[in-house]
């Protein structure tokens, strides 16, 4: 740990990278259906005739992770966070082996100021030791031993019991 700096672990998909936006984009391209991010839930997708199980298969397709867009303000806030904190990018990427290269390339393109030594691609995040974890999935937050913070995404809007941030401006206000 860097001397006197608190450590923040930050997830990638639907925290830094717009995974939900990528699903919306592919649904439009592949199914000709225009939906909003808030409609990315199993029930609404099934009503639109798009089985959730089918779109989940896209997570194993080449290019899915590589071409996500960074979430608004993420680059600017992240540049400031790395000056003040020891920041690790932590992604449970092993589940999708093709994503490993894509995620590293994505970070190099959009966040070139993050040193490779601060990128952790793992299977489960329970091993992560940090003061804070910013993540969109309950499964990662409940096993975290530091302060868990849920980042709002369509799949977690009903999740209770965690401090919540809705966007990168709120992260900046909290940590900077």
C-alpha atoms as a PDB file:
ATOM      1  CA  UNK A   1       0.000   0.000   0.000  1.00  0.00           C
ATOM      2  CA  UNK A   2       1.263   3.447  -0.857  1.00  0.00           C
ATOM      3  CA  UNK A   3       2.253   5.362   2.229  1.00  0.00           C
ATOM      4  CA  UNK A   4      -0.688   7.144   3.907  1.00  0.00           C
ATOM      5  CA  UNK A   5      -3.003   6.717   0.923  1.00  0.00           C
ATOM      6  CA  UNK A   6      -6.337   5.018   1.228  1.00  0.00           C
ATOM      7  CA  UNK A   7      -7.039   2.302  -1.327  1.00  0.00           C
ATOM      8  CA  UNK A   8     -10.098   2.341  -3.591  1.00  0.00           C
ATOM      9  CA  UNK A   9     -11.003  -0.699  -5.692  1.00  0.00           C
ATOM     10  CA  UNK A  10     -13.208   0.186  -8.665  1.00  0.00           C
ATOM     11  CA  UNK A  11     -15.137  -2.223 -10.879  1.00  0.00           C
ATOM     12  CA  UNK A  12     -15.192  -1.781 -14.663  1.00  0.00           C
ATOM     13  CA  UNK A  13     -18.489  -2.924 -16.225  1.00  0.00           C
ATOM     14  CA  UNK A  14     -21.391  -0.575 -15.456  1.00  0.00           C
ATOM     15  CA  UNK A  15     -19.096   1.460 -13.205  1.00  0.00           C
ATOM     16  CA  UNK A  16     -16.388   2.753 -15.548  1.00  0.00           C
ATOM     17  CA  UNK A  17     -17.570   1.166 -18.811  1.00  0.00           C
ATOM     18  CA  UNK A  18     -21.145   1.448 -20.060  1.00  0.00           C
ATOM     19  CA  UNK A  19     -22.065  -2.241 -20.250  1.00  0.00           C
ATOM     20  CA  UNK A  20     -25.785  -1.460 -20.080  1.00  0.00           C
ATOM     21  CA  UNK A  21     -25.386   0.940 -22.995  1.00  0.00           C
ATOM     22  CA  UNK A  22     -23.623  -1.810 -24.951  1.00  0.00           C
ATOM     23  CA  UNK A  23     -26.561  -4.166 -24.382  1.00  0.00           C
ATOM     24  CA  UNK A  24     -28.998  -1.447 -25.525  1.00  0.00           C
ATOM     25  CA  UNK A  25     -26.853  -0.880 -28.638  1.00  0.00           C
ATOM     26  CA  UNK A  26     -26.705  -4.600 -29.531  1.00  0.00           C
ATOM     27  CA  UNK A  27     -30.439  -5.085 -28.869  1.00  0.00           C
ATOM     28  CA  UNK A  28     -31.151  -2.317 -31.393  1.00  0.00           C
ATOM     29  CA  UNK A  29     -28.669  -3.722 -33.939  1.00  0.00           C
ATOM     30  CA  UNK A  30     -29.586  -7.398 -33.575  1.00  0.00           C
ATOM     31  CA  UNK A  31     -33.281  -7.261 -32.743  1.00  0.00           C
ATOM     32  CA  UNK A  32     -34.368  -3.908 -34.199  1.00  0.00           C
ATOM     33  CA  UNK A  33     -35.835  -2.933 -30.827  1.00  0.00           C
ATOM     34  CA  UNK A  34     -35.077   0.415 -29.239  1.00  0.00           C
ATOM     35  CA  UNK A  35     -35.154   0.356 -25.452  1.00  0.00           C
ATOM     36  CA  UNK A  36     -33.838   2.570 -22.694  1.00  0.00           C
ATOM     37  CA  UNK A  37     -31.283   1.536 -20.089  1.00  0.00           C
ATOM     38  CA  UNK A  38     -34.028   1.356 -17.453  1.00  0.00           C
ATOM     39  CA  UNK A  39     -35.744  -1.365 -19.491  1.00  0.00           C
ATOM     40  CA  UNK A  40     -32.781  -3.745 -19.165  1.00  0.00           C
ATOM     41  CA  UNK A  41     -34.487  -6.180 -16.834  1.00  0.00           C
ATOM     42  CA  UNK A  42     -35.473  -9.774 -17.516  1.00  0.00           C
ATOM     43  CA  UNK A  43     -39.240  -9.138 -17.326  1.00  0.00           C
ATOM     44  CA  UNK A  44     -39.256  -6.228 -19.805  1.00  0.00           C
ATOM     45  CA  UNK A  45     -36.848  -7.956 -22.193  1.00  0.00           C
ATOM     46  CA  UNK A  46     -39.042 -11.064 -22.207  1.00  0.00           C
ATOM     47  CA  UNK A  47     -42.095  -8.885 -22.981  1.00  0.00           C
ATOM     48  CA  UNK A  48     -40.182  -7.450 -25.944  1.00  0.00           C
ATOM     49  CA  UNK A  49     -39.444 -10.992 -27.127  1.00  0.00           C
ATOM     50  CA  UNK A  50     -35.759 -10.838 -26.244  1.00  0.00           C
ATOM     51  CA  UNK A  51     -34.865 -13.641 -23.810  1.00  0.00           C
ATOM     52  CA  UNK A  52     -32.383 -12.518 -21.161  1.00  0.00           C
ATOM     53  CA  UNK A  53     -30.497 -15.802 -21.556  1.00  0.00           C
ATOM     54  CA  UNK A  54     -29.907 -14.946 -25.230  1.00  0.00           C
ATOM     55  CA  UNK A  55     -28.423 -11.507 -24.611  1.00  0.00           C
ATOM     56  CA  UNK A  56     -26.303 -12.853 -21.748  1.00  0.00           C
ATOM     57  CA  UNK A  57     -24.555 -15.018 -24.365  1.00  0.00           C
ATOM     58  CA  UNK A  58     -23.174 -11.796 -25.860  1.00  0.00           C
ATOM     59  CA  UNK A  59     -20.821 -11.555 -22.880  1.00  0.00           C
ATOM     60  CA  UNK A  60     -18.760 -14.351 -24.467  1.00  0.00           C
ATOM     61  CA  UNK A  61     -18.637 -12.697 -27.911  1.00  0.00           C
ATOM     62  CA  UNK A  62     -15.497 -11.036 -29.160  1.00  0.00           C
ATOM     63  CA  UNK A  63     -15.786  -7.260 -29.178  1.00  0.00           C
ATOM     64  CA  UNK A  64     -18.530  -6.920 -26.573  1.00  0.00           C
ATOM     65  CA  UNK A  65     -16.250  -5.528 -23.857  1.00  0.00           C
ATOM     66  CA  UNK A  66     -13.754  -3.782 -26.118  1.00  0.00           C
ATOM     67  CA  UNK A  67     -16.190  -1.276 -27.610  1.00  0.00           C
ATOM     68  CA  UNK A  68     -18.051  -0.034 -24.549  1.00  0.00           C
ATOM     69  CA  UNK A  69     -18.056   3.695 -23.930  1.00  0.00           C
ATOM     70  CA  UNK A  70     -16.665   5.176 -20.721  1.00  0.00           C
ATOM     71  CA  UNK A  71     -19.381   6.458 -18.405  1.00  0.00           C
ATOM     72  CA  UNK A  72     -19.721  10.262 -18.248  1.00  0.00           C
ATOM     73  CA  UNK A  73     -17.128  12.037 -16.077  1.00  0.00           C
ATOM     74  CA  UNK A  74     -15.306   8.770 -15.295  1.00  0.00           C
ATOM     75  CA  UNK A  75     -12.040   9.823 -16.973  1.00  0.00           C
ATOM     76  CA  UNK A  76     -11.885  13.229 -15.343  1.00  0.00           C
ATOM     77  CA  UNK A  77     -12.751  11.994 -11.850  1.00  0.00           C
ATOM     78  CA  UNK A  78     -10.441   8.992 -12.149  1.00  0.00           C
ATOM     79  CA  UNK A  79      -7.497  11.243 -13.112  1.00  0.00           C
ATOM     80  CA  UNK A  80      -7.984  13.108  -9.842  1.00  0.00           C
ATOM     81  CA  UNK A  81      -8.601  10.004  -7.731  1.00  0.00           C
ATOM     82  CA  UNK A  82      -5.275   8.418  -8.719  1.00  0.00           C
ATOM     83  CA  UNK A  83      -3.486  11.535  -7.470  1.00  0.00           C
ATOM     84  CA  UNK A  84      -5.060  11.318  -4.023  1.00  0.00           C
ATOM     85  CA  UNK A  85      -5.691   7.568  -3.512  1.00  0.00           C
ATOM     86  CA  UNK A  86      -4.177   4.233  -4.361  1.00  0.00           C
ATOM     87  CA  UNK A  87      -6.716   3.161  -6.997  1.00  0.00           C
ATOM     88  CA  UNK A  88      -7.053  -0.388  -8.297  1.00  0.00           C
ATOM     89  CA  UNK A  89      -9.273  -1.378 -11.186  1.00  0.00           C
ATOM     90  CA  UNK A  90     -10.816  -4.708 -10.208  1.00  0.00           C
ATOM     91  CA  UNK A  91     -12.844  -6.821 -12.605  1.00  0.00           C
ATOM     92  CA  UNK A  92     -14.123 -10.380 -12.178  1.00  0.00           C
ATOM     93  CA  UNK A  93     -13.161 -10.979 -15.809  1.00  0.00           C
ATOM     94  CA  UNK A  94     -12.080 -14.613 -15.635  1.00  0.00           C
ATOM     95  CA  UNK A  95     -15.670 -15.757 -16.230  1.00  0.00           C
ATOM     96  CA  UNK A  96     -15.375 -14.319 -19.755  1.00  0.00           C
ATOM     97  CA  UNK A  97     -11.833 -15.276 -20.887  1.00  0.00           C
ATOM     98  CA  UNK A  98     -11.960 -13.323 -24.155  1.00  0.00           C
ATOM     99  CA  UNK A  99     -12.681 -10.187 -22.111  1.00  0.00           C
ATOM    100  CA  UNK A 100      -9.225 -10.203 -20.496  1.00  0.00           C
ATOM    101  CA  UNK A 101      -7.443  -8.794 -23.535  1.00  0.00           C
ATOM    102  CA  UNK A 102     -10.376  -6.530 -24.396  1.00  0.00           C
ATOM    103  CA  UNK A 103     -10.482  -5.012 -20.917  1.00  0.00           C
ATOM    104  CA  UNK A 104      -6.753  -4.351 -20.852  1.00  0.00           C
ATOM    105  CA  UNK A 105      -6.948  -2.725 -24.302  1.00  0.00           C
ATOM    106  CA  UNK A 106     -10.015  -0.704 -23.270  1.00  0.00           C
ATOM    107  CA  UNK A 107      -8.261   0.631 -20.181  1.00  0.00           C
ATOM    108  CA  UNK A 108      -5.144   1.515 -22.205  1.00  0.00           C
ATOM    109  CA  UNK A 109      -7.280   3.463 -24.671  1.00  0.00           C
ATOM    110  CA  UNK A 110      -9.611   5.279 -22.270  1.00  0.00           C
ATOM    111  CA  UNK A 111      -7.572   5.420 -19.044  1.00  0.00           C
ATOM    112  CA  UNK A 112      -3.920   5.418 -20.163  1.00  0.00           C
ATOM    113  CA  UNK A 113      -2.862   7.081 -16.897  1.00  0.00           C
ATOM    114  CA  UNK A 114      -3.707   3.913 -14.933  1.00  0.00           C
ATOM    115  CA  UNK A 115      -0.561   1.853 -14.572  1.00  0.00           C
ATOM    116  CA  UNK A 116      -0.880  -1.842 -15.465  1.00  0.00           C
ATOM    117  CA  UNK A 117       0.219  -2.765 -11.928  1.00  0.00           C
ATOM    118  CA  UNK A 118      -3.092  -1.354 -10.656  1.00  0.00           C
ATOM    119  CA  UNK A 119      -5.306  -3.587 -12.801  1.00  0.00           C
ATOM    120  CA  UNK A 120      -6.640  -6.749 -11.161  1.00  0.00           C
ATOM    121  CA  UNK A 121      -8.527  -9.231 -13.349  1.00  0.00           C
ATOM    122  CA  UNK A 122      -9.805 -11.963 -11.078  1.00  0.00           C
ATOM    123  CA  UNK A 123     -12.426 -14.639 -10.618  1.00  0.00           C
ATOM    124  CA  UNK A 124     -14.057 -13.408  -7.406  1.00  0.00           C
ATOM    125  CA  UNK A 125     -13.463 -10.133  -5.610  1.00  0.00           C
ATOM    126  CA  UNK A 126     -13.571 -11.474  -2.045  1.00  0.00           C
ATOM    127  CA  UNK A 127      -9.767 -11.540  -2.143  1.00  0.00           C
ATOM    128  CA  UNK A 128      -9.537  -7.771  -2.667  1.00  0.00           C
ATOM    129  CA  UNK A 129      -8.182  -5.763   0.252  1.00  0.00           C
ATOM    130  CA  UNK A 130      -9.029  -2.058   0.080  1.00  0.00           C
ATOM    131  CA  UNK A 131     -10.656   0.699   2.098  1.00  0.00           C
ATOM    132  CA  UNK A 132     -13.483   1.100  -0.438  1.00  0.00           C
ATOM    133  CA  UNK A 133     -15.020  -0.963  -3.232  1.00  0.00           C
ATOM    134  CA  UNK A 134     -17.206   0.748  -5.836  1.00  0.00           C
ATOM    135  CA  UNK A 135     -19.157  -1.958  -7.681  1.00  0.00           C
ATOM    136  CA  UNK A 136     -22.546  -2.585  -9.277  1.00  0.00           C
ATOM    137  CA  UNK A 137     -23.085  -6.166  -8.061  1.00  0.00           C
ATOM    138  CA  UNK A 138     -24.272  -7.185  -4.608  1.00  0.00           C
ATOM    139  CA  UNK A 139     -22.288 -10.467  -4.794  1.00  0.00           C
ATOM    140  CA  UNK A 140     -19.050  -8.446  -4.775  1.00  0.00           C
ATOM    141  CA  UNK A 141     -20.155  -5.919  -2.177  1.00  0.00           C
ATOM    142  CA  UNK A 142     -21.419  -8.364   0.470  1.00  0.00           C
ATOM    143  CA  UNK A 143     -18.097 -10.206   0.744  1.00  0.00           C
ATOM    144  CA  UNK A 144     -15.994  -7.032   0.820  1.00  0.00           C
ATOM    145  CA  UNK A 145     -14.299  -6.291   4.157  1.00  0.00           C
ATOM    146  CA  UNK A 146     -13.859  -2.532   3.630  1.00  0.00           C
ATOM    147  CA  UNK A 147     -16.564   0.059   2.888  1.00  0.00           C
ATOM    148  CA  UNK A 148     -18.764  -1.189   0.009  1.00  0.00           C
ATOM    149  CA  UNK A 149     -20.398   1.387  -2.289  1.00  0.00           C
ATOM    150  CA  UNK A 150     -22.956   0.372  -4.901  1.00  0.00           C
ATOM    151  CA  UNK A 151     -22.804   2.183  -8.251  1.00  0.00           C
ATOM    152  CA  UNK A 152     -26.310   2.512  -9.684  1.00  0.00           C
ATOM    153  CA  UNK A 153     -27.033   0.377 -12.737  1.00  0.00           C
ATOM    154  CA  UNK A 154     -30.335  -0.913 -14.189  1.00  0.00           C
ATOM    155  CA  UNK A 155     -29.926  -4.301 -12.492  1.00  0.00           C
ATOM    156  CA  UNK A 156     -29.402  -2.912  -8.974  1.00  0.00           C
ATOM    157  CA  UNK A 157     -31.878  -0.056  -8.593  1.00  0.00           C
ATOM    158  CA  UNK A 158     -33.851  -1.996  -5.952  1.00  0.00           C
ATOM    159  CA  UNK A 159     -30.750  -3.025  -3.971  1.00  0.00           C
ATOM    160  CA  UNK A 160     -30.776  -1.745  -0.389  1.00  0.00           C
ATOM    161  CA  UNK A 161     -28.302  -1.829   2.465  1.00  0.00           C
ATOM    162  CA  UNK A 162     -25.293  -0.166   0.799  1.00  0.00           C
ATOM    163  CA  UNK A 163     -24.147   3.387   0.414  1.00  0.00           C
ATOM    164  CA  UNK A 164     -24.989   4.334  -3.191  1.00  0.00           C
ATOM    165  CA  UNK A 165     -23.488   6.593  -5.831  1.00  0.00           C
ATOM    166  CA  UNK A 166     -25.425   7.267  -9.014  1.00  0.00           C
ATOM    167  CA  UNK A 167     -22.692   8.674 -11.235  1.00  0.00           C
ATOM    168  CA  UNK A 168     -19.083   9.808 -11.391  1.00  0.00           C
ATOM    169  CA  UNK A 169     -19.881  13.345 -10.273  1.00  0.00           C
ATOM    170  CA  UNK A 170     -21.092  11.851  -6.981  1.00  0.00           C
ATOM    171  CA  UNK A 171     -17.893   9.819  -6.689  1.00  0.00           C
ATOM    172  CA  UNK A 172     -15.922  13.024  -7.210  1.00  0.00           C
ATOM    173  CA  UNK A 173     -17.959  14.827  -4.551  1.00  0.00           C
ATOM    174  CA  UNK A 174     -17.448  11.995  -2.078  1.00  0.00           C
ATOM    175  CA  UNK A 175     -13.723  11.392  -2.553  1.00  0.00           C
ATOM    176  CA  UNK A 176     -12.203  14.617  -3.892  1.00  0.00           C
END
